[in-house]
Amino acid sequence: MSASASARPPTKLRVKAGDSITVKEAVLAMIVLSANDVATAVGEKIGGSEEGFAALMTRKARSLGMLNTTFFNASGLPHDQQFTTARDMSTLGVALIRDFPKDYELFATKSFAFQIGR
């Protein structure tokens, strides 16, 4: 967890800079809590930076046919140039169900246990 990710505004998992969490904890934190700190950390890990990840997300959105979506951060926090439409989010949801049917059940998760400073 970088200092930048750890400092993101709530909602957050409250992982301290320098600590780490598992991929499963990260996924569940993003699904259940909409954890902005975790979304930023995942974006930094995958994209090299949150901005790099946002560019990857935008390219993927275009490849899925999401022509009215541009990402500038990993969390969905407000950004003047970030935008999407309900139609594009529906396109994303359909692709998620189609391409990852076994993982889709994770989105039914209502809670999970996470112990800070394990």
PDB file of N, CA and C in Angstrom:
ATOM      1  N   MET A   1       0.853  -1.169   0.000  1.00  0.00           N
ATOM      2  CA  MET A   1       0.000   0.000   0.000  1.00  0.00           C
ATOM      3  C   MET A   1       0.898   1.230   0.000  1.00  0.00           C
ATOM      4  N   SER A   2       0.744   2.052  -1.010  1.00  0.00           N
ATOM      5  CA  SER A   2       1.549   3.269  -1.086  1.00  0.00           C
ATOM      6  C   SER A   2       0.969   4.345  -0.169  1.00  0.00           C
ATOM      7  N   ALA A   3       1.755   5.358   0.095  1.00  0.00           N
ATOM      8  CA  ALA A   3       1.277   6.488   0.897  1.00  0.00           C
ATOM      9  C   ALA A   3       0.121   7.182   0.187  1.00  0.00           C
ATOM     10  N   SER A   4       0.208   7.290  -1.135  1.00  0.00           N
ATOM     11  CA  SER A   4      -0.856   7.920  -1.912  1.00  0.00           C
ATOM     12  C   SER A   4      -2.158   7.135  -1.792  1.00  0.00           C
ATOM     13  N   ALA A   5      -2.068   5.813  -1.922  1.00  0.00           N
ATOM     14  CA  ALA A   5      -3.270   4.971  -1.812  1.00  0.00           C
ATOM     15  C   ALA A   5      -3.843   5.041  -0.408  1.00  0.00           C
ATOM     16  N   SER A   6      -2.981   4.962   0.589  1.00  0.00           N
ATOM     17  CA  SER A   6      -3.416   4.984   1.981  1.00  0.00           C
ATOM     18  C   SER A   6      -4.116   6.295   2.340  1.00  0.00           C
ATOM     19  N   ALA A   7      -3.760   7.366   1.658  1.00  0.00           N
ATOM     20  CA  ALA A   7      -4.314   8.677   1.955  1.00  0.00           C
ATOM     21  C   ALA A   7      -5.626   8.981   1.229  1.00  0.00           C
ATOM     22  N   ARG A   8      -6.090   8.087   0.366  1.00  0.00           N
ATOM     23  CA  ARG A   8      -7.333   8.342  -0.373  1.00  0.00           C
ATOM     24  C   ARG A   8      -8.482   8.537   0.601  1.00  0.00           C
ATOM     25  N   PRO A   9      -9.437   9.388   0.239  1.00  0.00           N
ATOM     26  CA  PRO A   9     -10.559   9.630   1.146  1.00  0.00           C
ATOM     27  C   PRO A   9     -11.457   8.394   1.286  1.00  0.00           C
ATOM     28  N   PRO A  10     -12.206   8.376   2.389  1.00  0.00           N
ATOM     29  CA  PRO A  10     -13.110   7.241   2.630  1.00  0.00           C
ATOM     30  C   PRO A  10     -14.074   7.114   1.470  1.00  0.00           C
ATOM     31  N   THR A  11     -14.559   5.995   1.216  1.00  0.00           N
ATOM     32  CA  THR A  11     -14.566   4.768   2.001  1.00  0.00           C
ATOM     33  C   THR A  11     -13.229   4.058   1.813  1.00  0.00           C
ATOM     34  N   LYS A  12     -12.716   3.463   2.895  1.00  0.00           N
ATOM     35  CA  LYS A  12     -11.417   2.825   2.797  1.00  0.00           C
ATOM     36  C   LYS A  12     -11.309   1.670   3.761  1.00  0.00           C
ATOM     37  N   LEU A  13     -10.339   0.794   3.478  1.00  0.00           N
ATOM     38  CA  LEU A  13     -10.060  -0.351   4.328  1.00  0.00           C
ATOM     39  C   LEU A  13      -9.125   0.060   5.460  1.00  0.00           C
ATOM     40  N   ARG A  14      -8.448   1.172   5.302  1.00  0.00           N
ATOM     41  CA  ARG A  14      -7.531   1.730   6.310  1.00  0.00           C
ATOM     42  C   ARG A  14      -6.260   0.893   6.487  1.00  0.00           C
ATOM     43  N   VAL A  15      -5.700   0.467   5.363  1.00  0.00           N
ATOM     44  CA  VAL A  15      -4.412  -0.219   5.383  1.00  0.00           C
ATOM     45  C   VAL A  15      -3.336   0.857   5.386  1.00  0.00           C
ATOM     46  N   LYS A  16      -2.351   0.702   6.239  1.00  0.00           N
ATOM     47  CA  LYS A  16      -1.291   1.703   6.355  1.00  0.00           C
ATOM     48  C   LYS A  16      -0.301   1.592   5.198  1.00  0.00           C
ATOM     49  N   ALA A  17       0.303   2.708   4.865  1.00  0.00           N
ATOM     50  CA  ALA A  17       1.346   2.728   3.840  1.00  0.00           C
ATOM     51  C   ALA A  17       2.443   1.747   4.229  1.00  0.00           C
ATOM     52  N   GLY A  18       2.873   0.943   3.266  1.00  0.00           N
ATOM     53  CA  GLY A  18       3.913  -0.056   3.503  1.00  0.00           C
ATOM     54  C   GLY A  18       3.369  -1.429   3.839  1.00  0.00           C
ATOM     55  N   ASP A  19       2.108  -1.510   4.270  1.00  0.00           N
ATOM     56  CA  ASP A  19       1.489  -2.811   4.559  1.00  0.00           C
ATOM     57  C   ASP A  19       0.965  -3.427   3.265  1.00  0.00           C
ATOM     58  N   SER A  20       0.613  -4.685   3.336  1.00  0.00           N
ATOM     59  CA  SER A  20       0.059  -5.359   2.159  1.00  0.00           C
ATOM     60  C   SER A  20      -1.164  -6.177   2.559  1.00  0.00           C
ATOM     61  N   ILE A  21      -1.965  -6.499   1.560  1.00  0.00           N
ATOM     62  CA  ILE A  21      -3.138  -7.335   1.746  1.00  0.00           C
ATOM     63  C   ILE A  21      -3.168  -8.348   0.621  1.00  0.00           C
ATOM     64  N   THR A  22      -3.980  -9.385   0.757  1.00  0.00           N
ATOM     65  CA  THR A  22      -4.077 -10.398  -0.290  1.00  0.00           C
ATOM     66  C   THR A  22      -4.951  -9.881  -1.432  1.00  0.00           C
ATOM     67  N   VAL A  23      -4.845 -10.523  -2.573  1.00  0.00           N
ATOM     68  CA  VAL A  23      -5.682 -10.160  -3.718  1.00  0.00           C
ATOM     69  C   VAL A  23      -7.152 -10.370  -3.364  1.00  0.00           C
ATOM     70  N   LYS A  24      -7.464 -11.481  -2.694  1.00  0.00           N
ATOM     71  CA  LYS A  24      -8.861 -11.736  -2.325  1.00  0.00           C
ATOM     72  C   LYS A  24      -9.384 -10.650  -1.390  1.00  0.00           C
ATOM     73  N   GLU A  25      -8.580 -10.238  -0.408  1.00  0.00           N
ATOM     74  CA  GLU A  25      -8.999  -9.146   0.480  1.00  0.00           C
ATOM     75  C   GLU A  25      -9.231  -7.859  -0.322  1.00  0.00           C
ATOM     76  N   ALA A  26      -8.362  -7.608  -1.282  1.00  0.00           N
ATOM     77  CA  ALA A  26      -8.495  -6.407  -2.109  1.00  0.00           C
ATOM     78  C   ALA A  26      -9.794  -6.445  -2.912  1.00  0.00           C
ATOM     79  N   VAL A  27     -10.059  -7.566  -3.544  1.00  0.00           N
ATOM     80  CA  VAL A  27     -11.281  -7.695  -4.347  1.00  0.00           C
ATOM     81  C   VAL A  27     -12.517  -7.515  -3.475  1.00  0.00           C
ATOM     82  N   LEU A  28     -12.544  -8.192  -2.332  1.00  0.00           N
ATOM     83  CA  LEU A  28     -13.702  -8.079  -1.446  1.00  0.00           C
ATOM     84  C   LEU A  28     -13.846  -6.667  -0.883  1.00  0.00           C
ATOM     85  N   ALA A  29     -12.739  -6.013  -0.565  1.00  0.00           N
ATOM     86  CA  ALA A  29     -12.800  -4.634  -0.067  1.00  0.00           C
ATOM     87  C   ALA A  29     -13.391  -3.703  -1.114  1.00  0.00           C
ATOM     88  N   MET A  30     -13.017  -3.903  -2.365  1.00  0.00           N
ATOM     89  CA  MET A  30     -13.562  -3.056  -3.427  1.00  0.00           C
ATOM     90  C   MET A  30     -15.040  -3.355  -3.668  1.00  0.00           C
ATOM     91  N   ILE A  31     -15.417  -4.628  -3.615  1.00  0.00           N
ATOM     92  CA  ILE A  31     -16.815  -5.000  -3.851  1.00  0.00           C
ATOM     93  C   ILE A  31     -17.707  -4.572  -2.689  1.00  0.00           C
ATOM     94  N   VAL A  32     -17.337  -4.951  -1.482  1.00  0.00           N
ATOM     95  CA  VAL A  32     -18.203  -4.744  -0.312  1.00  0.00           C
ATOM     96  C   VAL A  32     -18.147  -3.311   0.206  1.00  0.00           C
ATOM     97  N   LEU A  33     -16.959  -2.726   0.257  1.00  0.00           N
ATOM     98  CA  LEU A  33     -16.783  -1.410   0.871  1.00  0.00           C
ATOM     99  C   LEU A  33     -16.578  -0.267  -0.116  1.00  0.00           C
ATOM    100  N   SER A  34     -16.406  -0.598  -1.394  1.00  0.00           N
ATOM    101  CA  SER A  34     -15.998   0.411  -2.379  1.00  0.00           C
ATOM    102  C   SER A  34     -14.752   1.133  -1.884  1.00  0.00           C
ATOM    103  N   ALA A  35     -13.796   0.372  -1.389  1.00  0.00           N
ATOM    104  CA  ALA A  35     -12.607   0.909  -0.724  1.00  0.00           C
ATOM    105  C   ALA A  35     -11.704   1.658  -1.708  1.00  0.00           C
ATOM    106  N   ASN A  36     -11.714   2.975  -1.608  1.00  0.00           N
ATOM    107  CA  ASN A  36     -10.932   3.816  -2.513  1.00  0.00           C
ATOM    108  C   ASN A  36      -9.434   3.624  -2.333  1.00  0.00           C
ATOM    109  N   ASP A  37      -8.990   3.398  -1.105  1.00  0.00           N
ATOM    110  CA  ASP A  37      -7.560   3.183  -0.878  1.00  0.00           C
ATOM    111  C   ASP A  37      -7.090   1.911  -1.571  1.00  0.00           C
ATOM    112  N   VAL A  38      -7.899   0.870  -1.495  1.00  0.00           N
ATOM    113  CA  VAL A  38      -7.544  -0.409  -2.119  1.00  0.00           C
ATOM    114  C   VAL A  38      -7.611  -0.295  -3.639  1.00  0.00           C
ATOM    115  N   ALA A  39      -8.628   0.371  -4.165  1.00  0.00           N
ATOM    116  CA  ALA A  39      -8.725   0.549  -5.619  1.00  0.00           C
ATOM    117  C   ALA A  39      -7.489   1.277  -6.149  1.00  0.00           C
ATOM    118  N   THR A  40      -7.050   2.295  -5.426  1.00  0.00           N
ATOM    119  CA  THR A  40      -5.851   3.024  -5.836  1.00  0.00           C
ATOM    120  C   THR A  40      -4.624   2.118  -5.792  1.00  0.00           C
ATOM    121  N   ALA A  41      -4.482   1.352  -4.721  1.00  0.00           N
ATOM    122  CA  ALA A  41      -3.325   0.453  -4.585  1.00  0.00           C
ATOM    123  C   ALA A  41      -3.314  -0.603  -5.687  1.00  0.00           C
ATOM    124  N   VAL A  42      -4.458  -1.171  -5.994  1.00  0.00           N
ATOM    125  CA  VAL A  42      -4.546  -2.169  -7.069  1.00  0.00           C
ATOM    126  C   VAL A  42      -4.192  -1.515  -8.407  1.00  0.00           C
ATOM    127  N   GLY A  43      -4.719  -0.323  -8.630  1.00  0.00           N
ATOM    128  CA  GLY A  43      -4.401   0.397  -9.859  1.00  0.00           C
ATOM    129  C   GLY A  43      -2.916   0.665 -10.004  1.00  0.00           C
ATOM    130  N   GLU A  44      -2.286   1.072  -8.901  1.00  0.00           N
ATOM    131  CA  GLU A  44      -0.840   1.325  -8.940  1.00  0.00           C
ATOM    132  C   GLU A  44      -0.068   0.043  -9.243  1.00  0.00           C
ATOM    133  N   LYS A  45      -0.494  -1.055  -8.666  1.00  0.00           N
ATOM    134  CA  LYS A  45       0.202  -2.332  -8.864  1.00  0.00           C
ATOM    135  C   LYS A  45       0.068  -2.813 -10.312  1.00  0.00           C
ATOM    136  N   ILE A  46      -1.130  -2.732 -10.860  1.00  0.00           N
ATOM    137  CA  ILE A  46      -1.369  -3.239 -12.215  1.00  0.00           C
ATOM    138  C   ILE A  46      -0.878  -2.273 -13.287  1.00  0.00           C
ATOM    139  N   GLY A  47      -1.126  -0.979 -13.094  1.00  0.00           N
ATOM    140  CA  GLY A  47      -0.822   0.002 -14.133  1.00  0.00           C
ATOM    141  C   GLY A  47       0.472   0.753 -13.951  1.00  0.00           C
ATOM    142  N   GLY A  48       1.203   0.467 -12.868  1.00  0.00           N
ATOM    143  CA  GLY A  48       2.435   1.199 -12.596  1.00  0.00           C
ATOM    144  C   GLY A  48       2.177   2.507 -11.871  1.00  0.00           C
ATOM    145  N   SER A  49       1.001   3.063 -12.073  1.00  0.00           N
ATOM    146  CA  SER A  49       0.531   4.259 -11.391  1.00  0.00           C
ATOM    147  C   SER A  49      -0.984   4.250 -11.522  1.00  0.00           C
ATOM    148  N   GLU A  50      -1.645   5.059 -10.714  1.00  0.00           N
ATOM    149  CA  GLU A  50      -3.105   5.109 -10.841  1.00  0.00           C
ATOM    150  C   GLU A  50      -3.494   5.667 -12.211  1.00  0.00           C
ATOM    151  N   GLU A  51      -2.748   6.649 -12.696  1.00  0.00           N
ATOM    152  CA  GLU A  51      -3.027   7.222 -14.010  1.00  0.00           C
ATOM    153  C   GLU A  51      -2.817   6.188 -15.111  1.00  0.00           C
ATOM    154  N   GLY A  52      -1.754   5.385 -14.983  1.00  0.00           N
ATOM    155  CA  GLY A  52      -1.506   4.316 -15.957  1.00  0.00           C
ATOM    156  C   GLY A  52      -2.626   3.300 -15.964  1.00  0.00           C
ATOM    157  N   PHE A  53      -3.129   2.974 -14.782  1.00  0.00           N
ATOM    158  CA  PHE A  53      -4.232   2.028 -14.685  1.00  0.00           C
ATOM    159  C   PHE A  53      -5.502   2.615 -15.299  1.00  0.00           C
ATOM    160  N   ALA A  54      -5.757   3.893 -15.052  1.00  0.00           N
ATOM    161  CA  ALA A  54      -6.934   4.535 -15.633  1.00  0.00           C
ATOM    162  C   ALA A  54      -6.876   4.488 -17.157  1.00  0.00           C
ATOM    163  N   ALA A  55      -5.690   4.668 -17.715  1.00  0.00           N
ATOM    164  CA  ALA A  55      -5.531   4.573 -19.173  1.00  0.00           C
ATOM    165  C   ALA A  55      -5.817   3.148 -19.645  1.00  0.00           C
ATOM    166  N   LEU A  56      -5.337   2.145 -18.897  1.00  0.00           N
ATOM    167  CA  LEU A  56      -5.647   0.746 -19.240  1.00  0.00           C
ATOM    168  C   LEU A  56      -7.148   0.488 -19.165  1.00  0.00           C
ATOM    169  N   MET A  57      -7.794   1.019 -18.119  1.00  0.00           N
ATOM    170  CA  MET A  57      -9.238   0.841 -17.978  1.00  0.00           C
ATOM    171  C   MET A  57      -9.985   1.481 -19.146  1.00  0.00           C
ATOM    172  N   THR A  58      -9.556   2.647 -19.555  1.00  0.00           N
ATOM    173  CA  THR A  58     -10.212   3.329 -20.670  1.00  0.00           C
ATOM    174  C   THR A  58     -10.032   2.547 -21.964  1.00  0.00           C
ATOM    175  N   ARG A  59      -8.834   2.009 -22.202  1.00  0.00           N
ATOM    176  CA  ARG A  59      -8.611   1.186 -23.402  1.00  0.00           C
ATOM    177  C   ARG A  59      -9.501  -0.053 -23.380  1.00  0.00           C
ATOM    178  N   LYS A  60      -9.601  -0.699 -22.216  1.00  0.00           N
ATOM    179  CA  LYS A  60     -10.463  -1.872 -22.097  1.00  0.00           C
ATOM    180  C   LYS A  60     -11.921  -1.488 -22.313  1.00  0.00           C
ATOM    181  N   ALA A  61     -12.329  -0.352 -21.772  1.00  0.00           N
ATOM    182  CA  ALA A  61     -13.692   0.116 -21.969  1.00  0.00           C
ATOM    183  C   ALA A  61     -13.997   0.262 -23.460  1.00  0.00           C
ATOM    184  N   ARG A  62     -13.085   0.881 -24.193  1.00  0.00           N
ATOM    185  CA  ARG A  62     -13.285   1.047 -25.635  1.00  0.00           C
ATOM    186  C   ARG A  62     -13.404  -0.305 -26.333  1.00  0.00           C
ATOM    187  N   SER A  63     -12.567  -1.270 -25.942  1.00  0.00           N
ATOM    188  CA  SER A  63     -12.602  -2.586 -26.592  1.00  0.00           C
ATOM    189  C   SER A  63     -13.913  -3.322 -26.302  1.00  0.00           C
ATOM    190  N   LEU A  64     -14.569  -2.968 -25.209  1.00  0.00           N
ATOM    191  CA  LEU A  64     -15.869  -3.569 -24.873  1.00  0.00           C
ATOM    192  C   LEU A  64     -17.032  -2.824 -25.525  1.00  0.00           C
ATOM    193  N   GLY A  65     -16.729  -1.712 -26.195  1.00  0.00           N
ATOM    194  CA  GLY A  65     -17.779  -0.910 -26.825  1.00  0.00           C
ATOM    195  C   GLY A  65     -18.301   0.207 -25.947  1.00  0.00           C
ATOM    196  N   MET A  66     -17.607   0.499 -24.870  1.00  0.00           N
ATOM    197  CA  MET A  66     -17.989   1.589 -23.959  1.00  0.00           C
ATOM    198  C   MET A  66     -17.399   2.891 -24.504  1.00  0.00           C
ATOM    199  N   LEU A  67     -18.101   3.502 -25.429  1.00  0.00           N
ATOM    200  CA  LEU A  67     -17.565   4.654 -26.150  1.00  0.00           C
ATOM    201  C   LEU A  67     -17.750   5.971 -25.410  1.00  0.00           C
ATOM    202  N   ASN A  68     -18.547   5.978 -24.360  1.00  0.00           N
ATOM    203  CA  ASN A  68     -18.827   7.205 -23.610  1.00  0.00           C
ATOM    204  C   ASN A  68     -18.279   7.141 -22.195  1.00  0.00           C
ATOM    205  N   THR A  69     -17.157   6.467 -22.032  1.00  0.00           N
ATOM    206  CA  THR A  69     -16.526   6.337 -20.720  1.00  0.00           C
ATOM    207  C   THR A  69     -15.045   6.658 -20.841  1.00  0.00           C
ATOM    208  N   THR A  70     -14.560   7.493 -19.944  1.00  0.00           N
ATOM    209  CA  THR A  70     -13.132   7.769 -19.821  1.00  0.00           C
ATOM    210  C   THR A  70     -12.805   7.794 -18.337  1.00  0.00           C
ATOM    211  N   PHE A  71     -11.798   7.024 -17.949  1.00  0.00           N
ATOM    212  CA  PHE A  71     -11.388   6.933 -16.560  1.00  0.00           C
ATOM    213  C   PHE A  71     -10.140   7.773 -16.323  1.00  0.00           C
ATOM    214  N   PHE A  72     -10.063   8.405 -15.147  1.00  0.00           N
ATOM    215  CA  PHE A  72      -8.880   9.141 -14.734  1.00  0.00           C
ATOM    216  C   PHE A  72      -8.372   8.697 -13.378  1.00  0.00           C
ATOM    217  N   ASN A  73      -9.104   7.783 -12.728  1.00  0.00           N
ATOM    218  CA  ASN A  73      -8.628   7.187 -11.481  1.00  0.00           C
ATOM    219  C   ASN A  73      -9.224   5.785 -11.346  1.00  0.00           C
ATOM    220  N   ALA A  74      -8.727   5.036 -10.396  1.00  0.00           N
ATOM    221  CA  ALA A  74      -9.140   3.642 -10.234  1.00  0.00           C
ATOM    222  C   ALA A  74     -10.391   3.486  -9.386  1.00  0.00           C
ATOM    223  N   SER A  75     -10.728   4.504  -8.616  1.00  0.00           N
ATOM    224  CA  SER A  75     -11.780   4.363  -7.618  1.00  0.00           C
ATOM    225  C   SER A  75     -13.147   4.870  -8.052  1.00  0.00           C
ATOM    226  N   GLY A  76     -13.183   5.721  -9.041  1.00  0.00           N
ATOM    227  CA  GLY A  76     -14.441   6.352  -9.399  1.00  0.00           C
ATOM    228  C   GLY A  76     -14.698   7.635  -8.623  1.00  0.00           C
ATOM    229  N   LEU A  77     -13.715   8.058  -7.802  1.00  0.00           N
ATOM    230  CA  LEU A  77     -13.850   9.335  -7.114  1.00  0.00           C
ATOM    231  C   LEU A  77     -13.957  10.458  -8.156  1.00  0.00           C
ATOM    232  N   PRO A  78     -14.603  11.561  -7.795  1.00  0.00           N
ATOM    233  CA  PRO A  78     -14.806  12.642  -8.767  1.00  0.00           C
ATOM    234  C   PRO A  78     -13.505  13.133  -9.399  1.00  0.00           C
ATOM    235  N   HIS A  79     -13.588  13.385 -10.682  1.00  0.00           N
ATOM    236  CA  HIS A  79     -12.512  13.984 -11.466  1.00  0.00           C
ATOM    237  C   HIS A  79     -13.196  14.755 -12.592  1.00  0.00           C
ATOM    238  N   ASP A  80     -12.777  15.974 -12.836  1.00  0.00           N
ATOM    239  CA  ASP A  80     -13.444  16.835 -13.814  1.00  0.00           C
ATOM    240  C   ASP A  80     -13.580  16.209 -15.201  1.00  0.00           C
ATOM    241  N   GLN A  81     -12.632  15.368 -15.595  1.00  0.00           N
ATOM    242  CA  GLN A  81     -12.645  14.814 -16.946  1.00  0.00           C
ATOM    243  C   GLN A  81     -13.112  13.356 -16.999  1.00  0.00           C
ATOM    244  N   GLN A  82     -13.426  12.781 -15.861  1.00  0.00           N
ATOM    245  CA  GLN A  82     -13.872  11.381 -15.826  1.00  0.00           C
ATOM    246  C   GLN A  82     -15.384  11.335 -16.043  1.00  0.00           C
ATOM    247  N   PHE A  83     -15.806  10.451 -16.938  1.00  0.00           N
ATOM    248  CA  PHE A  83     -17.241  10.356 -17.190  1.00  0.00           C
ATOM    249  C   PHE A  83     -17.598   8.955 -17.678  1.00  0.00           C
ATOM    250  N   THR A  84     -18.870   8.630 -17.536  1.00  0.00           N
ATOM    251  CA  THR A  84     -19.416   7.384 -18.047  1.00  0.00           C
ATOM    252  C   THR A  84     -20.914   7.568 -18.209  1.00  0.00           C
ATOM    253  N   THR A  85     -21.561   6.551 -18.737  1.00  0.00           N
ATOM    254  CA  THR A  85     -23.016   6.556 -18.877  1.00  0.00           C
ATOM    255  C   THR A  85     -23.573   5.268 -18.274  1.00  0.00           C
ATOM    256  N   ALA A  86     -24.844   5.292 -17.960  1.00  0.00           N
ATOM    257  CA  ALA A  86     -25.507   4.080 -17.460  1.00  0.00           C
ATOM    258  C   ALA A  86     -25.412   2.967 -18.507  1.00  0.00           C
ATOM    259  N   ARG A  87     -25.531   3.327 -19.764  1.00  0.00           N
ATOM    260  CA  ARG A  87     -25.438   2.326 -20.839  1.00  0.00           C
ATOM    261  C   ARG A  87     -24.063   1.663 -20.849  1.00  0.00           C
ATOM    262  N   ASP A  88     -23.009   2.455 -20.706  1.00  0.00           N
ATOM    263  CA  ASP A  88     -21.662   1.887 -20.690  1.00  0.00           C
ATOM    264  C   ASP A  88     -21.453   1.002 -19.467  1.00  0.00           C
ATOM    265  N   MET A  89     -21.972   1.401 -18.309  1.00  0.00           N
ATOM    266  CA  MET A  89     -21.841   0.557 -17.115  1.00  0.00           C
ATOM    267  C   MET A  89     -22.609  -0.744 -17.280  1.00  0.00           C
ATOM    268  N   SER A  90     -23.731  -0.689 -17.989  1.00  0.00           N
ATOM    269  CA  SER A  90     -24.488  -1.906 -18.303  1.00  0.00           C
ATOM    270  C   SER A  90     -23.668  -2.813 -19.221  1.00  0.00           C
ATOM    271  N   THR A  91     -23.005  -2.220 -20.193  1.00  0.00           N
ATOM    272  CA  THR A  91     -22.126  -2.979 -21.085  1.00  0.00           C
ATOM    273  C   THR A  91     -21.030  -3.671 -20.285  1.00  0.00           C
ATOM    274  N   LEU A  92     -20.458  -2.968 -19.319  1.00  0.00           N
ATOM    275  CA  LEU A  92     -19.426  -3.547 -18.463  1.00  0.00           C
ATOM    276  C   LEU A  92     -19.982  -4.708 -17.647  1.00  0.00           C
ATOM    277  N   GLY A  93     -21.162  -4.544 -17.074  1.00  0.00           N
ATOM    278  CA  GLY A  93     -21.784  -5.608 -16.292  1.00  0.00           C
ATOM    279  C   GLY A  93     -22.056  -6.851 -17.115  1.00  0.00           C
ATOM    280  N   VAL A  94     -22.551  -6.670 -18.322  1.00  0.00           N
ATOM    281  CA  VAL A  94     -22.812  -7.807 -19.209  1.00  0.00           C
ATOM    282  C   VAL A  94     -21.508  -8.526 -19.549  1.00  0.00           C
ATOM    283  N   ALA A  95     -20.458  -7.772 -19.821  1.00  0.00           N
ATOM    284  CA  ALA A  95     -19.154  -8.378 -20.135  1.00  0.00           C
ATOM    285  C   ALA A  95     -18.607  -9.139 -18.932  1.00  0.00           C
ATOM    286  N   LEU A  96     -18.789  -8.606 -17.747  1.00  0.00           N
ATOM    287  CA  LEU A  96     -18.321  -9.274 -16.537  1.00  0.00           C
ATOM    288  C   LEU A  96     -19.011 -10.626 -16.363  1.00  0.00           C
ATOM    289  N   ILE A  97     -20.309 -10.646 -16.512  1.00  0.00           N
ATOM    290  CA  ILE A  97     -21.066 -11.900 -16.381  1.00  0.00           C
ATOM    291  C   ILE A  97     -20.669 -12.881 -17.482  1.00  0.00           C
ATOM    292  N   ARG A  98     -20.536 -12.404 -18.696  1.00  0.00           N
ATOM    293  CA  ARG A  98     -20.193 -13.243 -19.840  1.00  0.00           C
ATOM    294  C   ARG A  98     -18.770 -13.811 -19.745  1.00  0.00           C
ATOM    295  N   ASP A  99     -17.821 -12.958 -19.390  1.00  0.00           N
ATOM    296  CA  ASP A  99     -16.414 -13.345 -19.442  1.00  0.00           C
ATOM    297  C   ASP A  99     -15.891 -13.980 -18.153  1.00  0.00           C
ATOM    298  N   PHE A 100     -16.569 -13.727 -17.041  1.00  0.00           N
ATOM    299  CA  PHE A 100     -16.110 -14.250 -15.750  1.00  0.00           C
ATOM    300  C   PHE A 100     -17.276 -14.824 -14.943  1.00  0.00           C
ATOM    301  N   PRO A 101     -17.994 -15.796 -15.510  1.00  0.00           N
ATOM    302  CA  PRO A 101     -19.197 -16.294 -14.824  1.00  0.00           C
ATOM    303  C   PRO A 101     -18.916 -16.901 -13.445  1.00  0.00           C
ATOM    304  N   LYS A 102     -17.776 -17.522 -13.269  1.00  0.00           N
ATOM    305  CA  LYS A 102     -17.464 -18.118 -11.965  1.00  0.00           C
ATOM    306  C   LYS A 102     -17.125 -17.064 -10.919  1.00  0.00           C
ATOM    307  N   ASP A 103     -16.593 -15.943 -11.341  1.00  0.00           N
ATOM    308  CA  ASP A 103     -16.218 -14.881 -10.411  1.00  0.00           C
ATOM    309  C   ASP A 103     -17.378 -13.937 -10.110  1.00  0.00           C
ATOM    310  N   TYR A 104     -18.403 -13.959 -10.935  1.00  0.00           N
ATOM    311  CA  TYR A 104     -19.516 -13.035 -10.769  1.00  0.00           C
ATOM    312  C   TYR A 104     -20.190 -13.180  -9.412  1.00  0.00           C
ATOM    313  N   GLU A 105     -20.196 -14.381  -8.861  1.00  0.00           N
ATOM    314  CA  GLU A 105     -20.844 -14.609  -7.562  1.00  0.00           C
ATOM    315  C   GLU A 105     -20.211 -13.790  -6.435  1.00  0.00           C
ATOM    316  N   LEU A 106     -18.969 -13.377  -6.615  1.00  0.00           N
ATOM    317  CA  LEU A 106     -18.325 -12.527  -5.607  1.00  0.00           C
ATOM    318  C   LEU A 106     -19.116 -11.248  -5.348  1.00  0.00           C
ATOM    319  N   PHE A 107     -19.838 -10.773  -6.355  1.00  0.00           N
ATOM    320  CA  PHE A 107     -20.579  -9.521  -6.221  1.00  0.00           C
ATOM    321  C   PHE A 107     -21.815  -9.649  -5.336  1.00  0.00           C
ATOM    322  N   ALA A 108     -22.133 -10.872  -4.929  1.00  0.00           N
ATOM    323  CA  ALA A 108     -23.224 -11.090  -3.970  1.00  0.00           C
ATOM    324  C   ALA A 108     -22.723 -11.011  -2.530  1.00  0.00           C
ATOM    325  N   THR A 109     -21.421 -10.878  -2.336  1.00  0.00           N
ATOM    326  CA  THR A 109     -20.838 -10.815  -0.999  1.00  0.00           C
ATOM    327  C   THR A 109     -21.316  -9.554  -0.285  1.00  0.00           C
ATOM    328  N   LYS A 110     -21.847  -9.735   0.918  1.00  0.00           N
ATOM    329  CA  LYS A 110     -22.382  -8.606   1.687  1.00  0.00           C
ATOM    330  C   LYS A 110     -21.417  -8.116   2.761  1.00  0.00           C
ATOM    331  N   SER A 111     -20.517  -8.994   3.211  1.00  0.00           N
ATOM    332  CA  SER A 111     -19.554  -8.597   4.239  1.00  0.00           C
ATOM    333  C   SER A 111     -18.365  -9.553   4.197  1.00  0.00           C
ATOM    334  N   PHE A 112     -17.283  -9.129   4.830  1.00  0.00           N
ATOM    335  CA  PHE A 112     -16.120  -9.991   4.992  1.00  0.00           C
ATOM    336  C   PHE A 112     -15.335  -9.490   6.189  1.00  0.00           C
ATOM    337  N   ALA A 113     -14.571 -10.385   6.767  1.00  0.00           N
ATOM    338  CA  ALA A 113     -13.783 -10.029   7.949  1.00  0.00           C
ATOM    339  C   ALA A 113     -12.371  -9.635   7.528  1.00  0.00           C
ATOM    340  N   PHE A 114     -11.950  -8.495   7.988  1.00  0.00           N
ATOM    341  CA  PHE A 114     -10.580  -8.031   7.718  1.00  0.00           C
ATOM    342  C   PHE A 114     -10.037  -7.485   9.023  1.00  0.00           C
ATOM    343  N   GLN A 115      -8.898  -7.984   9.398  1.00  0.00           N
ATOM    344  CA  GLN A 115      -8.281  -7.543  10.642  1.00  0.00           C
ATOM    345  C   GLN A 115      -7.117  -6.635  10.327  1.00  0.00           C
ATOM    346  N   ILE A 116      -7.244  -5.365  10.678  1.00  0.00           N
ATOM    347  CA  ILE A 116      -6.177  -4.392  10.452  1.00  0.00           C
ATOM    348  C   ILE A 116      -4.976  -4.755  11.326  1.00  0.00           C
ATOM    349  N   GLY A 117      -3.803  -4.717  10.731  1.00  0.00           N
ATOM    350  CA  GLY A 117      -2.577  -4.975  11.466  1.00  0.00           C
ATOM    351  C   GLY A 117      -2.440  -6.416  11.929  1.00  0.00           C
ATOM    352  N   ARG A 118      -2.868  -7.322  11.049  1.00  0.00           N
ATOM    353  CA  ARG A 118      -2.840  -8.755  11.390  1.00  0.00           C
ATOM    354  C   ARG A 118      -1.553  -9.162  11.975  1.00  0.00           C
TER     355      ARG A 118
END
